[in-house]
Amino acid sequence: MTVTKRDLQIIIPFIIFLGIGIYSAFSVEFILRDKSIETTLKWCGIPSLILAIYYAYRVTFGYQQDVEVWRKVIGMLVYTLICSIMFIVAFQGFLIMYNCNIGQQNDYLLKGTITKIETTESKSGRISYTILVHRELENDHVKIDIPKNNYTEGQSFSKQMKIGSLGFIYSN
């Protein structure tokens, strides 16, 4: 299989968009991700699906190959799922970048008690931490992604953060 100029015109913007978006999604150390993913799915869910279907079609049916149609259909479904997830994460990154850098930024003091600490280890060995904080004033629980675990359950949590232009609470 040879890579044509037309293929590069499709692949290069795809890689640049995903690279910038995924980098931006993980550029903030402390963030309440629940609201950002909810907003991303509401605003960018359909565009992500449309782009994913387009790229999946280009990869499977876009080439003249002697492959059974059922294999192309299964391949298109798998590529659509994978590309949808990648586009959602990239769009989330762009929204986080917009939230943190454009528009009004308000100070916010997040206070509460840590009720749970979650540790997730990826296949690459990267460990990520999430703490669940009960906010007394709002009487709710929020999940905060944190860079490293310096906390214990039951500990008081107080951190000066910001509310960005899209309403995502974050801190660098």
C-alpha atoms as a PDB file:
ATOM      1  CA  MET A   1       0.000   0.000   0.000  1.00  0.00           C
ATOM      2  CA  THR A   2       1.362   3.377  -0.946  1.00  0.00           C
ATOM      3  CA  VAL A   3       0.543   6.624   0.800  1.00  0.00           C
ATOM      4  CA  THR A   4      -0.734   9.207  -1.648  1.00  0.00           C
ATOM      5  CA  LYS A   5      -0.851  12.985  -1.402  1.00  0.00           C
ATOM      6  CA  ARG A   6      -4.603  12.727  -0.821  1.00  0.00           C
ATOM      7  CA  ASP A   7      -3.974  10.370   2.119  1.00  0.00           C
ATOM      8  CA  LEU A   8      -1.541  12.837   3.665  1.00  0.00           C
ATOM      9  CA  GLN A   9      -4.094  15.641   3.300  1.00  0.00           C
ATOM     10  CA  ILE A  10      -6.420  13.560   5.481  1.00  0.00           C
ATOM     11  CA  ILE A  11      -3.908  12.067   7.935  1.00  0.00           C
ATOM     12  CA  ILE A  12      -1.871  15.174   8.828  1.00  0.00           C
ATOM     13  CA  PRO A  13      -4.822  17.350  10.002  1.00  0.00           C
ATOM     14  CA  PHE A  14      -6.169  14.314  11.908  1.00  0.00           C
ATOM     15  CA  ILE A  15      -2.881  13.834  13.779  1.00  0.00           C
ATOM     16  CA  ILE A  16      -2.413  17.568  14.474  1.00  0.00           C
ATOM     17  CA  PHE A  17      -5.986  17.956  15.758  1.00  0.00           C
ATOM     18  CA  LEU A  18      -5.717  14.902  18.010  1.00  0.00           C
ATOM     19  CA  GLY A  19      -2.245  15.817  19.242  1.00  0.00           C
ATOM     20  CA  ILE A  20      -3.155  19.348  20.300  1.00  0.00           C
ATOM     21  CA  GLY A  21      -6.486  18.239  21.768  1.00  0.00           C
ATOM     22  CA  ILE A  22      -5.126  15.331  23.783  1.00  0.00           C
ATOM     23  CA  TYR A  23      -2.209  17.425  25.049  1.00  0.00           C
ATOM     24  CA  SER A  24      -4.645  20.142  26.139  1.00  0.00           C
ATOM     25  CA  ALA A  25      -6.897  17.607  27.878  1.00  0.00           C
ATOM     26  CA  PHE A  26      -4.067  16.728  30.259  1.00  0.00           C
ATOM     27  CA  SER A  27      -2.461  20.175  30.534  1.00  0.00           C
ATOM     28  CA  VAL A  28      -4.205  21.146  33.777  1.00  0.00           C
ATOM     29  CA  GLU A  29      -3.090  19.521  37.028  1.00  0.00           C
ATOM     30  CA  PHE A  30      -6.281  19.853  39.099  1.00  0.00           C
ATOM     31  CA  ILE A  31      -9.619  19.741  37.281  1.00  0.00           C
ATOM     32  CA  LEU A  32     -13.166  18.628  37.898  1.00  0.00           C
ATOM     33  CA  ARG A  33     -13.507  16.484  34.765  1.00  0.00           C
ATOM     34  CA  ASP A  34     -17.168  15.527  35.158  1.00  0.00           C
ATOM     35  CA  LYS A  35     -18.487  18.860  33.904  1.00  0.00           C
ATOM     36  CA  SER A  36     -15.955  19.060  31.071  1.00  0.00           C
ATOM     37  CA  ILE A  37     -16.816  15.605  29.722  1.00  0.00           C
ATOM     38  CA  GLU A  38     -20.548  16.313  30.060  1.00  0.00           C
ATOM     39  CA  THR A  39     -20.179  19.565  28.112  1.00  0.00           C
ATOM     40  CA  THR A  40     -17.997  17.885  25.491  1.00  0.00           C
ATOM     41  CA  LEU A  41     -20.541  15.138  24.894  1.00  0.00           C
ATOM     42  CA  LYS A  42     -23.382  17.672  24.672  1.00  0.00           C
ATOM     43  CA  TRP A  43     -21.613  20.108  22.338  1.00  0.00           C
ATOM     44  CA  CYS A  44     -19.244  17.877  20.390  1.00  0.00           C
ATOM     45  CA  GLY A  45     -20.779  14.387  20.498  1.00  0.00           C
ATOM     46  CA  ILE A  46     -22.419  14.561  17.083  1.00  0.00           C
ATOM     47  CA  PRO A  47     -19.463  16.280  15.345  1.00  0.00           C
ATOM     48  CA  SER A  48     -17.169  13.625  16.858  1.00  0.00           C
ATOM     49  CA  LEU A  49     -19.374  10.850  15.519  1.00  0.00           C
ATOM     50  CA  ILE A  50     -19.550  12.444  12.060  1.00  0.00           C
ATOM     51  CA  LEU A  51     -15.761  12.859  11.889  1.00  0.00           C
ATOM     52  CA  ALA A  52     -15.254   9.312  13.185  1.00  0.00           C
ATOM     53  CA  ILE A  53     -17.567   7.869  10.535  1.00  0.00           C
ATOM     54  CA  TYR A  54     -15.783   9.872   7.839  1.00  0.00           C
ATOM     55  CA  TYR A  55     -12.326   8.661   8.870  1.00  0.00           C
ATOM     56  CA  ALA A  56     -13.559   5.093   9.362  1.00  0.00           C
ATOM     57  CA  TYR A  57     -15.084   5.126   5.888  1.00  0.00           C
ATOM     58  CA  ARG A  58     -11.830   6.458   4.426  1.00  0.00           C
ATOM     59  CA  VAL A  59      -9.843   3.663   6.063  1.00  0.00           C
ATOM     60  CA  THR A  60     -12.179   0.805   5.149  1.00  0.00           C
ATOM     61  CA  PHE A  61     -14.259   1.563   2.062  1.00  0.00           C
ATOM     62  CA  GLY A  62     -12.062   4.370   0.727  1.00  0.00           C
ATOM     63  CA  TYR A  63      -9.642   1.966  -0.934  1.00  0.00           C
ATOM     64  CA  GLN A  64     -10.175  -0.472  -3.753  1.00  0.00           C
ATOM     65  CA  GLN A  65      -9.316  -3.726  -2.040  1.00  0.00           C
ATOM     66  CA  ASP A  66     -10.388  -7.307  -2.587  1.00  0.00           C
ATOM     67  CA  VAL A  67     -11.834  -7.751   0.872  1.00  0.00           C
ATOM     68  CA  GLU A  68     -15.244  -9.121   1.766  1.00  0.00           C
ATOM     69  CA  VAL A  69     -17.880  -6.499   2.526  1.00  0.00           C
ATOM     70  CA  TRP A  70     -18.603  -7.942   5.984  1.00  0.00           C
ATOM     71  CA  ARG A  71     -14.960  -7.386   6.963  1.00  0.00           C
ATOM     72  CA  LYS A  72     -15.141  -3.790   5.778  1.00  0.00           C
ATOM     73  CA  VAL A  73     -18.346  -3.236   7.769  1.00  0.00           C
ATOM     74  CA  ILE A  74     -16.832  -4.691  10.941  1.00  0.00           C
ATOM     75  CA  GLY A  75     -13.667  -2.651  10.373  1.00  0.00           C
ATOM     76  CA  MET A  76     -15.720   0.492   9.884  1.00  0.00           C
ATOM     77  CA  LEU A  77     -17.616  -0.113  13.130  1.00  0.00           C
ATOM     78  CA  VAL A  78     -14.386  -0.673  15.082  1.00  0.00           C
ATOM     79  CA  TYR A  79     -12.672   2.361  13.553  1.00  0.00           C
ATOM     80  CA  THR A  80     -15.755   4.495  14.221  1.00  0.00           C
ATOM     81  CA  LEU A  81     -15.710   3.519  17.898  1.00  0.00           C
ATOM     82  CA  ILE A  82     -11.976   4.154  18.297  1.00  0.00           C
ATOM     83  CA  CYS A  83     -12.037   7.447  16.384  1.00  0.00           C
ATOM     84  CA  SER A  84     -15.120   8.640  18.320  1.00  0.00           C
ATOM     85  CA  ILE A  85     -13.305   8.177  21.618  1.00  0.00           C
ATOM     86  CA  MET A  86     -10.203   9.949  20.311  1.00  0.00           C
ATOM     87  CA  PHE A  87     -12.248  12.868  18.951  1.00  0.00           C
ATOM     88  CA  ILE A  88     -14.196  13.212  22.224  1.00  0.00           C
ATOM     89  CA  VAL A  89     -10.931  13.408  24.205  1.00  0.00           C
ATOM     90  CA  ALA A  90      -9.482  15.895  21.711  1.00  0.00           C
ATOM     91  CA  PHE A  91     -12.591  18.096  21.770  1.00  0.00           C
ATOM     92  CA  GLN A  92     -12.538  17.930  25.574  1.00  0.00           C
ATOM     93  CA  GLY A  93      -8.950  19.168  25.469  1.00  0.00           C
ATOM     94  CA  PHE A  94      -9.881  22.093  23.254  1.00  0.00           C
ATOM     95  CA  LEU A  95     -12.751  23.015  25.586  1.00  0.00           C
ATOM     96  CA  ILE A  96     -10.431  22.802  28.618  1.00  0.00           C
ATOM     97  CA  MET A  97      -7.878  24.973  26.832  1.00  0.00           C
ATOM     98  CA  TYR A  98     -10.592  27.515  25.965  1.00  0.00           C
ATOM     99  CA  ASN A  99     -11.972  27.418  29.521  1.00  0.00           C
ATOM    100  CA  CYS A 100      -8.581  28.086  31.099  1.00  0.00           C
ATOM    101  CA  ASN A 101      -7.223  30.716  28.699  1.00  0.00           C
ATOM    102  CA  ILE A 102     -10.068  32.707  27.149  1.00  0.00           C
ATOM    103  CA  GLY A 103     -12.717  34.764  28.862  1.00  0.00           C
ATOM    104  CA  GLN A 104     -13.336  35.626  32.476  1.00  0.00           C
ATOM    105  CA  GLN A 105     -11.560  33.596  35.154  1.00  0.00           C
ATOM    106  CA  ASN A 106     -12.966  33.765  38.690  1.00  0.00           C
ATOM    107  CA  ASP A 107     -11.245  32.661  41.872  1.00  0.00           C
ATOM    108  CA  TYR A 108     -12.882  29.801  43.757  1.00  0.00           C
ATOM    109  CA  LEU A 109     -11.958  28.200  47.070  1.00  0.00           C
ATOM    110  CA  LEU A 110     -12.755  24.502  46.988  1.00  0.00           C
ATOM    111  CA  LYS A 111     -13.218  23.263  50.562  1.00  0.00           C
ATOM    112  CA  GLY A 112     -14.415  19.935  51.821  1.00  0.00           C
ATOM    113  CA  THR A 113     -13.509  16.539  53.178  1.00  0.00           C
ATOM    114  CA  ILE A 114     -11.877  13.800  51.131  1.00  0.00           C
ATOM    115  CA  THR A 115     -14.176  10.780  51.193  1.00  0.00           C
ATOM    116  CA  LYS A 116     -12.474   8.516  48.651  1.00  0.00           C
ATOM    117  CA  ILE A 117      -9.197   8.219  46.730  1.00  0.00           C
ATOM    118  CA  GLU A 118      -9.149   6.331  43.434  1.00  0.00           C
ATOM    119  CA  THR A 119      -5.951   5.133  41.776  1.00  0.00           C
ATOM    120  CA  THR A 120      -5.884   4.055  38.149  1.00  0.00           C
ATOM    121  CA  GLU A 121      -2.869   2.545  36.426  1.00  0.00           C
ATOM    122  CA  SER A 122      -2.768   2.526  32.652  1.00  0.00           C
ATOM    123  CA  LYS A 123      -1.142  -0.182  30.570  1.00  0.00           C
ATOM    124  CA  SER A 124       1.790   2.153  29.938  1.00  0.00           C
ATOM    125  CA  GLY A 125       2.430   2.346  33.691  1.00  0.00           C
ATOM    126  CA  ARG A 126       1.098   5.881  34.174  1.00  0.00           C
ATOM    127  CA  ILE A 127      -0.724   6.217  37.479  1.00  0.00           C
ATOM    128  CA  SER A 128      -3.531   8.745  37.790  1.00  0.00           C
ATOM    129  CA  TYR A 129      -5.326   9.774  40.942  1.00  0.00           C
ATOM    130  CA  THR A 130      -8.836  11.028  41.555  1.00  0.00           C
ATOM    131  CA  ILE A 131     -10.161  12.202  44.888  1.00  0.00           C
ATOM    132  CA  LEU A 132     -13.808  12.484  45.856  1.00  0.00           C
ATOM    133  CA  VAL A 133     -14.417  15.595  47.955  1.00  0.00           C
ATOM    134  CA  HIS A 134     -17.602  16.277  49.915  1.00  0.00           C
ATOM    135  CA  ARG A 135     -18.253  20.028  49.767  1.00  0.00           C
ATOM    136  CA  GLU A 136     -20.062  21.112  52.923  1.00  0.00           C
ATOM    137  CA  LEU A 137     -21.293  24.434  51.541  1.00  0.00           C
ATOM    138  CA  GLU A 138     -22.861  22.963  48.377  1.00  0.00           C
ATOM    139  CA  ASN A 139     -23.667  19.644  50.113  1.00  0.00           C
ATOM    140  CA  ASP A 140     -22.468  17.524  47.195  1.00  0.00           C
ATOM    141  CA  HIS A 141     -19.529  15.402  46.068  1.00  0.00           C
ATOM    142  CA  VAL A 142     -17.069  16.347  43.334  1.00  0.00           C
ATOM    143  CA  LYS A 143     -14.334  14.297  41.682  1.00  0.00           C
ATOM    144  CA  ILE A 144     -10.994  16.012  41.181  1.00  0.00           C
ATOM    145  CA  ASP A 145      -8.186  14.667  39.021  1.00  0.00           C
ATOM    146  CA  ILE A 146      -4.900  15.284  40.832  1.00  0.00           C
ATOM    147  CA  PRO A 147      -1.274  14.857  39.669  1.00  0.00           C
ATOM    148  CA  LYS A 148      -0.034  12.877  42.690  1.00  0.00           C
ATOM    149  CA  ASN A 149      -1.519  11.423  45.812  1.00  0.00           C
ATOM    150  CA  ASN A 150      -0.559  13.486  48.850  1.00  0.00           C
ATOM    151  CA  TYR A 151      -3.922  12.999  50.525  1.00  0.00           C
ATOM    152  CA  THR A 152      -5.685  10.539  52.816  1.00  0.00           C
ATOM    153  CA  GLU A 153      -9.343   9.706  53.263  1.00  0.00           C
ATOM    154  CA  GLY A 154     -11.038  11.857  55.893  1.00  0.00           C
ATOM    155  CA  GLN A 155      -8.524  14.670  55.448  1.00  0.00           C
ATOM    156  CA  SER A 156      -9.762  18.230  55.017  1.00  0.00           C
ATOM    157  CA  PHE A 157      -9.214  19.556  51.509  1.00  0.00           C
ATOM    158  CA  SER A 158      -8.818  23.229  50.711  1.00  0.00           C
ATOM    159  CA  LYS A 159      -7.430  24.499  47.426  1.00  0.00           C
ATOM    160  CA  GLN A 160      -7.585  27.871  45.721  1.00  0.00           C
ATOM    161  CA  MET A 161      -8.855  27.157  42.229  1.00  0.00           C
ATOM    162  CA  LYS A 162     -10.459  29.037  39.356  1.00  0.00           C
ATOM    163  CA  ILE A 163     -13.735  28.820  37.515  1.00  0.00           C
ATOM    164  CA  GLY A 164     -13.055  29.299  33.815  1.00  0.00           C
ATOM    165  CA  SER A 165     -15.202  30.844  31.124  1.00  0.00           C
ATOM    166  CA  LEU A 166     -17.082  27.580  30.481  1.00  0.00           C
ATOM    167  CA  GLY A 167     -17.651  26.896  34.188  1.00  0.00           C
ATOM    168  CA  PHE A 168     -15.011  24.177  34.608  1.00  0.00           C
ATOM    169  CA  ILE A 169     -13.229  24.370  37.967  1.00  0.00           C
ATOM    170  CA  TYR A 170      -9.472  23.964  37.589  1.00  0.00           C
ATOM    171  CA  SER A 171      -6.058  24.868  38.978  1.00  0.00           C
ATOM    172  CA  ASN A 172      -2.584  24.755  37.458  1.00  0.00           C
END
